[in-house]
Amino acid sequence: MGRRRRSGRQINGWINVDKPVGVTSAGCVNRVRRALDAAKLGHAGTLDPAASGVLPIALGEATKTMPFVVDTHKKYVFTVNWGERRDTDDNEGQIVETADQRPDEAQIRAALPQFTGDISQVPPAFSAIKVNGARAYTLARAGEDVILAARQILILSFELLDMPDRDCARFAVTRGKGAYMRGLARDLATALGTCGYLSGLRRGAVGPFTEATAISLEKLEELGHSAAAFPTLLPIETALDGIPALALSEKEAAQLRNGQAVPILRPQEREKIEAVGDEGIVLAVEAETPVALARVDGIQIRPVRVLNL
């Protein structure tokens, strides 16, 4: 039997969606698919249904660059509510503990440094981490005790924004891969001698994708198929911010597209691959058109993901 052809239009690029509260990340992908009639797409970095903000969605050949976005730094703003711990560590869960202690501004600022840099964090029980083949949140919802191992995470910055009242405080965080903001809220409250949970989570940036270039689902659906045109559709290379671009001739680009290694002899381009080093990744470009993600191998590059544009 022949392979089933994917229906829809072939659109290549990124749509930076401003996800609303109450919609899952997968739900956003489905709505973008319907709005654009896109054949192939996926999101780069899950955002909880209760959270809002930046959700980059890759279309067509841009899906090949998704790993570079998933692993990048992300920025958030959220509120920590003091005096209650909830089983989900956010405002969606059931209260499991209460405390009368409320931290003041000086105590909060004094505690923040211990939550920056490389730190250890136990993920929330209500998370998508797999335990013996099942999602942790599935087991937790079934009433099972979920015990997850601590993991190393990176918090680049943790800033107190304001304190609307004595029962809560707002924060801004920039973090690396694998960090849970719910876990950060929970652990900060514990360090301050109380308990707490997260609410009002909003993601402001995923690497190069920021609120400034984000579009609401409603606006996207209003634009319909025309949304696949500039300026809503961002170029594939948006996801590759910080990855060196290497200029190729037409002949070299053809070699790379055919899976062949290409020696780099021009001094200016040699300097770029030497700066990246062996096994480093570069973006090969022909006349401003991305050709492939390529791995440096000595004085040559080898294709890793060819972009069919």
Protein backbone atom coordinates (compact mmCIF):
# COMPACT_ATOMS: atom_id res chain seq x y z
CA MET A 1 0.00 0.00 0.00
CA GLY A 2 1.35 3.45 -0.87
CA ARG A 3 2.15 5.97 1.81
CA ARG A 4 -0.75 8.26 2.62
CA ARG A 5 -0.12 11.82 1.47
CA ARG A 6 -0.52 14.48 4.15
CA SER A 7 -3.36 16.83 3.26
CA GLY A 8 -3.14 20.59 3.48
CA ARG A 9 -0.84 23.29 2.19
CA GLN A 10 2.94 23.13 2.46
CA ILE A 11 3.85 26.23 4.50
CA ASN A 12 7.40 26.74 5.76
CA GLY A 13 8.14 29.02 8.71
CA TRP A 14 7.07 29.88 12.24
CA ILE A 15 3.89 31.29 13.73
CA ASN A 16 4.48 32.82 17.17
CA VAL A 17 1.14 32.30 18.92
CA ASP A 18 0.07 34.15 22.07
CA LYS A 19 -1.66 31.20 23.75
CA PRO A 20 -4.72 32.12 25.82
CA VAL A 21 -5.58 30.64 29.21
CA GLY A 22 -7.76 27.53 29.02
CA VAL A 23 -6.37 26.13 25.77
CA THR A 24 -3.83 23.30 25.60
CA SER A 25 -0.69 23.59 23.49
CA ALA A 26 -1.99 20.77 21.27
CA GLY A 27 -5.28 22.64 20.96
CA CYS A 28 -3.40 25.69 19.70
CA VAL A 29 -1.64 23.58 17.07
CA ASN A 30 -4.98 22.21 15.87
CA ARG A 31 -6.49 25.69 15.59
CA VAL A 32 -3.47 26.95 13.63
CA ARG A 33 -3.71 23.89 11.38
CA ARG A 34 -7.36 24.66 10.60
CA ALA A 35 -6.81 28.41 10.19
CA LEU A 36 -3.95 27.99 7.69
CA ASP A 37 -4.85 24.60 6.22
CA ALA A 38 -1.25 23.63 7.01
CA ALA A 39 0.01 20.16 6.10
CA LYS A 40 2.70 19.79 8.78
CA LEU A 41 3.24 21.61 12.05
CA GLY A 42 4.15 21.25 15.73
CA HIS A 43 4.80 23.38 18.81
CA ALA A 44 8.16 24.04 20.45
CA GLY A 45 7.69 23.82 24.21
CA THR A 46 4.48 22.86 26.01
CA LEU A 47 2.62 25.54 27.94
CA ASP A 48 0.10 24.42 30.60
CA PRO A 49 -3.59 25.08 29.83
CA ALA A 50 -3.78 27.47 32.81
CA ALA A 51 -0.84 29.51 31.46
CA SER A 52 -0.75 32.09 28.67
CA GLY A 53 1.90 33.56 26.43
CA VAL A 54 4.44 32.74 23.77
CA LEU A 55 4.01 29.38 22.00
CA PRO A 56 6.15 29.09 18.85
CA ILE A 57 4.56 26.80 16.25
CA ALA A 58 6.71 25.40 13.44
CA LEU A 59 5.24 24.75 10.00
CA GLY A 60 6.63 22.55 7.23
CA GLU A 61 10.42 22.47 7.04
CA ALA A 62 10.65 24.65 10.17
CA THR A 63 9.74 21.54 12.21
CA LYS A 64 13.30 20.34 11.54
CA THR A 65 14.62 23.25 13.62
CA MET A 66 12.32 22.68 16.62
CA PRO A 67 15.01 21.11 18.89
CA PHE A 68 16.91 24.41 18.81
CA VAL A 69 13.85 26.18 20.27
CA VAL A 70 12.75 23.54 22.78
CA ASP A 71 16.14 23.65 24.52
CA THR A 72 16.52 27.44 24.55
CA HIS A 73 16.03 29.88 27.44
CA LYS A 74 12.51 30.93 28.37
CA LYS A 75 11.13 33.93 30.29
CA TYR A 76 8.10 33.92 32.59
CA VAL A 77 6.11 36.19 34.88
CA PHE A 78 3.97 34.61 37.61
CA THR A 79 2.45 35.13 41.05
CA VAL A 80 3.18 33.09 44.17
CA ASN A 81 0.27 32.94 46.60
CA TRP A 82 1.39 32.42 50.20
CA GLY A 83 -0.31 30.35 52.89
CA GLU A 84 -1.63 27.39 50.91
CA ARG A 85 -0.03 24.39 49.26
CA ARG A 86 -2.00 22.63 46.53
CA ASP A 87 -1.50 19.15 45.14
CA THR A 88 -0.82 20.50 41.65
CA ASP A 89 1.38 23.37 42.95
CA ASP A 90 -0.89 25.80 41.08
CA ASN A 91 -4.37 27.27 41.48
CA GLU A 92 -5.98 24.33 39.67
CA GLY A 93 -5.41 21.89 42.54
CA GLN A 94 -6.83 20.94 45.91
CA ILE A 95 -5.55 22.52 49.14
CA VAL A 96 -3.37 20.04 51.05
CA GLU A 97 -1.66 22.36 53.57
CA THR A 98 -2.06 25.84 55.04
CA ALA A 99 0.25 28.19 56.92
CA ASP A 100 -0.13 31.56 58.67
CA GLN A 101 3.41 32.78 57.93
CA ARG A 102 3.72 35.56 55.33
CA PRO A 103 7.18 36.68 54.10
CA ASP A 104 8.07 40.36 53.82
CA GLU A 105 10.01 41.96 50.97
CA ALA A 106 13.40 41.73 52.69
CA GLN A 107 12.94 38.01 53.40
CA ILE A 108 11.93 37.31 49.81
CA ARG A 109 14.89 39.18 48.34
CA ALA A 110 17.27 37.42 50.71
CA ALA A 111 15.96 34.00 49.63
CA LEU A 112 16.11 34.49 45.85
CA PRO A 113 19.88 33.98 45.35
CA GLN A 114 19.64 30.35 46.49
CA PHE A 115 17.26 29.72 43.59
CA THR A 116 19.51 31.07 40.83
CA GLY A 117 22.23 29.26 38.90
CA ASP A 118 22.43 25.47 38.71
CA ILE A 119 20.04 24.15 41.35
CA SER A 120 18.25 20.89 42.20
CA GLN A 121 14.48 20.65 41.74
CA VAL A 122 11.93 17.88 42.27
CA PRO A 123 9.36 18.19 39.46
CA PRO A 124 5.69 18.56 40.46
CA ALA A 125 3.75 15.30 40.82
CA PHE A 126 1.26 16.68 38.30
CA SER A 127 3.72 16.77 35.38
CA ALA A 128 4.17 14.96 32.07
CA ILE A 129 7.24 13.04 33.25
CA LYS A 130 6.86 9.30 32.71
CA VAL A 131 6.92 6.88 35.66
CA ASN A 132 7.06 3.20 34.63
CA GLY A 133 5.57 4.12 31.26
CA ALA A 134 2.73 6.28 32.60
CA ARG A 135 2.53 10.08 32.86
CA ALA A 136 3.03 11.32 36.41
CA TYR A 137 -0.12 13.45 36.24
CA THR A 138 -2.20 10.38 35.28
CA LEU A 139 -0.96 8.52 38.36
CA ALA A 140 -1.43 11.57 40.60
CA ARG A 141 -5.01 12.09 39.40
CA ALA A 142 -5.71 8.43 40.19
CA GLY A 143 -4.68 9.08 43.79
CA GLU A 144 -1.31 7.34 43.64
CA ASP A 145 1.72 8.70 45.51
CA VAL A 146 4.07 9.96 42.84
CA ILE A 147 7.72 10.24 43.82
CA LEU A 148 9.92 11.91 41.22
CA ALA A 149 13.69 12.16 41.35
CA ALA A 150 15.33 15.56 41.72
CA ARG A 151 17.01 16.95 38.62
CA GLN A 152 19.52 19.71 37.93
CA ILE A 153 18.00 22.83 36.36
CA LEU A 154 19.30 26.26 35.41
CA ILE A 155 17.69 29.47 36.62
CA LEU A 156 19.42 32.44 34.99
CA SER A 157 17.49 35.15 36.84
CA PHE A 158 14.79 35.29 39.54
CA GLU A 159 13.47 38.78 40.21
CA LEU A 160 10.79 40.11 42.58
CA LEU A 161 8.55 42.46 40.60
CA ASP A 162 6.03 43.63 43.19
CA MET A 163 3.88 42.60 46.16
CA PRO A 164 0.21 43.45 45.47
CA ASP A 165 -0.67 42.47 49.06
CA ARG A 166 0.72 40.43 51.97
CA ASP A 167 -0.72 37.19 50.53
CA CYS A 168 1.14 37.18 47.21
CA ALA A 169 4.12 38.41 45.23
CA ARG A 170 4.91 38.63 41.49
CA PHE A 171 8.14 37.41 39.97
CA ALA A 172 10.03 37.35 36.65
CA VAL A 173 12.19 34.32 35.84
CA THR A 174 14.51 33.36 33.01
CA ARG A 175 15.25 29.65 32.99
CA GLY A 176 16.94 26.88 31.05
CA LYS A 177 15.62 23.49 30.00
CA GLY A 178 13.52 21.33 32.33
CA ALA A 179 12.67 23.82 35.08
CA TYR A 180 9.10 23.94 36.43
CA MET A 181 7.80 27.31 37.56
CA ARG A 182 5.30 25.53 39.82
CA GLY A 183 8.19 23.77 41.52
CA LEU A 184 10.06 27.05 41.88
CA ALA A 185 7.03 28.68 43.56
CA ARG A 186 6.60 25.69 45.90
CA ASP A 187 10.27 25.59 46.90
CA LEU A 188 10.58 29.35 47.42
CA ALA A 189 7.59 29.29 49.78
CA THR A 190 9.13 26.39 51.74
CA ALA A 191 12.44 28.25 52.04
CA LEU A 192 10.52 31.23 53.45
CA GLY A 193 8.97 29.12 56.19
CA THR A 194 5.50 28.96 54.67
CA CYS A 195 3.75 27.21 51.80
CA GLY A 196 2.56 28.54 48.47
CA TYR A 197 1.33 27.86 44.98
CA LEU A 198 1.68 29.45 41.55
CA SER A 199 -0.96 31.43 39.66
CA GLY A 200 -1.13 33.81 36.69
CA LEU A 201 1.72 32.17 34.76
CA ARG A 202 2.62 33.95 31.53
CA ARG A 203 5.50 33.10 29.20
CA GLY A 204 7.07 36.19 27.69
CA ALA A 205 9.77 34.66 25.51
CA VAL A 206 11.07 31.37 24.09
CA GLY A 207 14.56 32.10 22.82
CA PRO A 208 14.19 34.58 19.93
CA PHE A 209 10.37 34.37 20.00
CA THR A 210 8.94 37.20 22.11
CA GLU A 211 5.62 38.84 22.89
CA ALA A 212 6.46 41.57 20.36
CA THR A 213 6.03 39.12 17.45
CA ALA A 214 3.20 37.04 18.96
CA ILE A 215 -0.28 36.89 17.43
CA SER A 216 -3.50 35.84 19.14
CA LEU A 217 -5.38 32.76 17.95
CA GLU A 218 -8.42 34.94 17.28
CA LYS A 219 -6.44 37.28 15.02
CA LEU A 220 -4.84 34.35 13.24
CA GLU A 221 -8.23 32.76 12.59
CA GLU A 222 -9.56 36.10 11.38
CA LEU A 223 -6.72 36.42 8.86
CA GLY A 224 -7.20 32.82 7.70
CA HIS A 225 -5.00 31.62 4.84
CA SER A 226 -3.53 35.09 4.32
CA ALA A 227 -1.83 34.70 7.72
CA ALA A 228 0.75 32.47 6.05
CA ALA A 229 2.13 35.60 4.36
CA PHE A 230 4.43 38.26 5.83
CA PRO A 231 4.54 39.52 8.57
CA THR A 232 2.69 36.81 10.51
CA LEU A 233 4.85 33.98 9.16
CA LEU A 234 8.37 34.20 10.53
CA PRO A 235 11.29 32.71 8.54
CA ILE A 236 12.70 29.27 9.39
CA GLU A 237 16.00 30.78 10.51
CA THR A 238 14.25 32.69 13.31
CA ALA A 239 14.70 29.55 15.42
CA LEU A 240 18.44 29.47 14.70
CA ASP A 241 19.38 32.71 16.40
CA GLY A 242 23.05 32.45 17.39
CA ILE A 243 23.90 29.62 14.95
CA PRO A 244 26.49 30.80 12.38
CA ALA A 245 25.30 31.04 8.77
CA LEU A 246 27.68 29.67 6.16
CA ALA A 247 27.42 30.93 2.55
CA LEU A 248 27.57 28.22 -0.12
CA SER A 249 27.83 28.30 -3.90
CA GLU A 250 25.07 26.75 -6.00
CA LYS A 251 27.26 23.68 -6.61
CA GLU A 252 28.09 23.26 -2.90
CA ALA A 253 24.43 23.63 -1.96
CA ALA A 254 23.50 20.88 -4.45
CA GLN A 255 26.12 18.59 -2.92
CA LEU A 256 24.81 19.20 0.58
CA ARG A 257 21.20 18.60 -0.52
CA ASN A 258 22.33 15.26 -1.96
CA GLY A 259 23.76 14.22 1.40
CA GLN A 260 27.40 14.82 0.49
CA ALA A 261 30.03 16.48 2.67
CA VAL A 262 31.28 19.85 1.43
CA PRO A 263 34.87 21.05 2.04
CA ILE A 264 35.07 24.67 3.19
CA LEU A 265 38.05 26.42 1.59
CA ARG A 266 37.20 30.15 1.57
CA PRO A 267 39.08 31.86 4.45
CA GLN A 268 36.09 33.84 5.75
CA GLU A 269 33.88 30.72 5.94
CA ARG A 270 36.75 28.61 7.35
CA GLU A 271 37.01 31.05 10.25
CA LYS A 272 33.33 30.47 11.05
CA ILE A 273 33.60 26.66 11.21
CA GLU A 274 36.84 26.86 13.18
CA ALA A 275 35.07 29.10 15.73
CA VAL A 276 32.24 26.55 16.02
CA GLY A 277 34.64 23.61 16.31
CA ASP A 278 34.26 19.93 15.43
CA GLU A 279 30.72 18.56 15.86
CA GLY A 280 29.36 22.12 16.02
CA ILE A 281 26.26 23.05 14.00
CA VAL A 282 26.05 25.70 11.28
CA LEU A 283 23.28 26.84 8.95
CA ALA A 284 24.29 26.40 5.32
CA VAL A 285 22.76 29.10 3.09
CA GLU A 286 22.71 29.64 -0.66
CA ALA A 287 21.75 33.16 -1.81
CA GLU A 288 19.90 33.79 1.50
CA THR A 289 17.91 30.54 1.19
CA PRO A 290 18.54 28.07 4.04
CA VAL A 291 19.87 24.78 2.62
CA ALA A 292 20.61 22.57 5.62
CA LEU A 293 21.68 22.30 9.19
CA ALA A 294 25.19 20.90 8.94
CA ARG A 295 27.76 19.49 11.34
CA VAL A 296 31.37 20.65 11.25
CA ASP A 297 33.80 17.80 10.52
CA GLY A 298 37.33 19.14 10.32
CA ILE A 299 37.55 21.41 7.28
CA GLN A 300 34.25 20.20 5.85
CA ILE A 301 30.58 20.20 6.77
CA ARG A 302 28.15 17.28 6.63
CA PRO A 303 24.35 17.66 6.31
CA VAL A 304 22.32 16.84 9.44
CA ARG A 305 18.86 18.08 8.37
CA VAL A 306 18.32 19.16 4.76
CA LEU A 307 15.69 21.89 4.34
CA ASN A 308 13.63 21.32 1.21
CA LEU A 309 12.79 24.90 0.21
